[in-house]
Amino acid sequence: MKRVDQYKAKLKAAKAALKIRQRNFNIVSRELIKTIDEIETLERKIEDETFKLATIISNIKSTD
């Protein structure tokens, strides 16, 4: 019976560890998604500003 009790105790500990790891995983996955979204937003803003700058420069050159 001692062996079964040890297995039950290990199972209880493993389930508790699983809950903690799931919670940590959820936190990290949300942060990862936020970071990826921020990177995409910043890249899009850089492209927009670069396009605006190129347009202004081409307008200036065409008026010369």
Protein backbone atom coordinates (compact mmCIF):
# COMPACT_ATOMS: atom_id res chain seq x y z
CA MET A 1 0.00 0.00 0.00
CA LYS A 2 2.94 2.35 0.58
CA ARG A 3 3.82 2.37 -3.11
CA VAL A 4 0.28 3.35 -4.11
CA ASP A 5 0.34 6.18 -1.58
CA GLN A 6 3.64 7.42 -3.02
CA TYR A 7 2.15 7.35 -6.54
CA LYS A 8 -0.88 9.29 -5.34
CA ALA A 9 1.33 11.90 -3.70
CA LYS A 10 3.44 12.24 -6.84
CA LEU A 11 0.30 12.54 -8.96
CA LYS A 12 -1.03 15.31 -6.73
CA ALA A 13 2.30 17.17 -6.94
CA ALA A 14 2.41 16.74 -10.72
CA LYS A 15 -1.11 18.14 -11.10
CA ALA A 16 -0.19 21.14 -8.96
CA ALA A 17 2.94 21.72 -11.06
CA LEU A 18 0.85 21.44 -14.22
CA LYS A 19 -1.49 24.20 -13.04
CA ILE A 20 1.48 26.47 -12.32
CA ARG A 21 3.11 25.74 -15.67
CA GLN A 22 -0.16 26.30 -17.55
CA ARG A 23 -0.61 29.66 -15.84
CA ASN A 24 2.96 30.66 -16.71
CA PHE A 25 2.51 29.47 -20.29
CA ASN A 26 -0.64 31.55 -20.69
CA ILE A 27 1.09 34.65 -19.37
CA VAL A 28 4.09 34.19 -21.64
CA SER A 29 1.98 33.43 -24.71
CA ARG A 30 -0.07 36.61 -24.21
CA GLU A 31 3.13 38.64 -23.86
CA LEU A 32 4.55 37.02 -27.00
CA ILE A 33 1.46 37.94 -29.00
CA LYS A 34 1.61 41.53 -27.71
CA THR A 35 5.29 41.79 -28.64
CA ILE A 36 4.72 40.40 -32.13
CA ASP A 37 1.84 42.84 -32.67
CA GLU A 38 4.00 45.73 -31.50
CA ILE A 39 6.81 44.73 -33.88
CA GLU A 40 4.38 44.52 -36.80
CA THR A 41 2.89 47.92 -35.94
CA LEU A 42 6.30 49.55 -35.70
CA GLU A 43 7.46 47.99 -38.98
CA ARG A 44 4.31 49.24 -40.70
CA LYS A 45 4.84 52.75 -39.30
CA ILE A 46 8.45 52.76 -40.51
CA GLU A 47 7.33 51.69 -43.99
CA ASP A 48 4.67 54.42 -44.05
CA GLU A 49 7.12 57.12 -42.98
CA THR A 50 9.71 55.91 -45.49
CA PHE A 51 7.12 56.03 -48.27
CA LYS A 52 6.05 59.54 -47.24
CA LEU A 53 9.67 60.69 -47.21
CA ALA A 54 10.34 59.15 -50.63
CA THR A 55 7.23 60.83 -52.01
CA ILE A 56 8.30 64.22 -50.68
CA ILE A 57 11.81 63.82 -52.08
CA SER A 58 10.49 62.79 -55.50
CA ASN A 59 8.14 65.79 -55.49
CA ILE A 60 11.01 68.12 -54.67
CA LYS A 61 13.19 66.61 -57.45
CA SER A 62 10.38 66.86 -60.00
CA THR A 63 9.85 70.59 -59.31
CA ASP A 64 13.54 71.36 -59.88
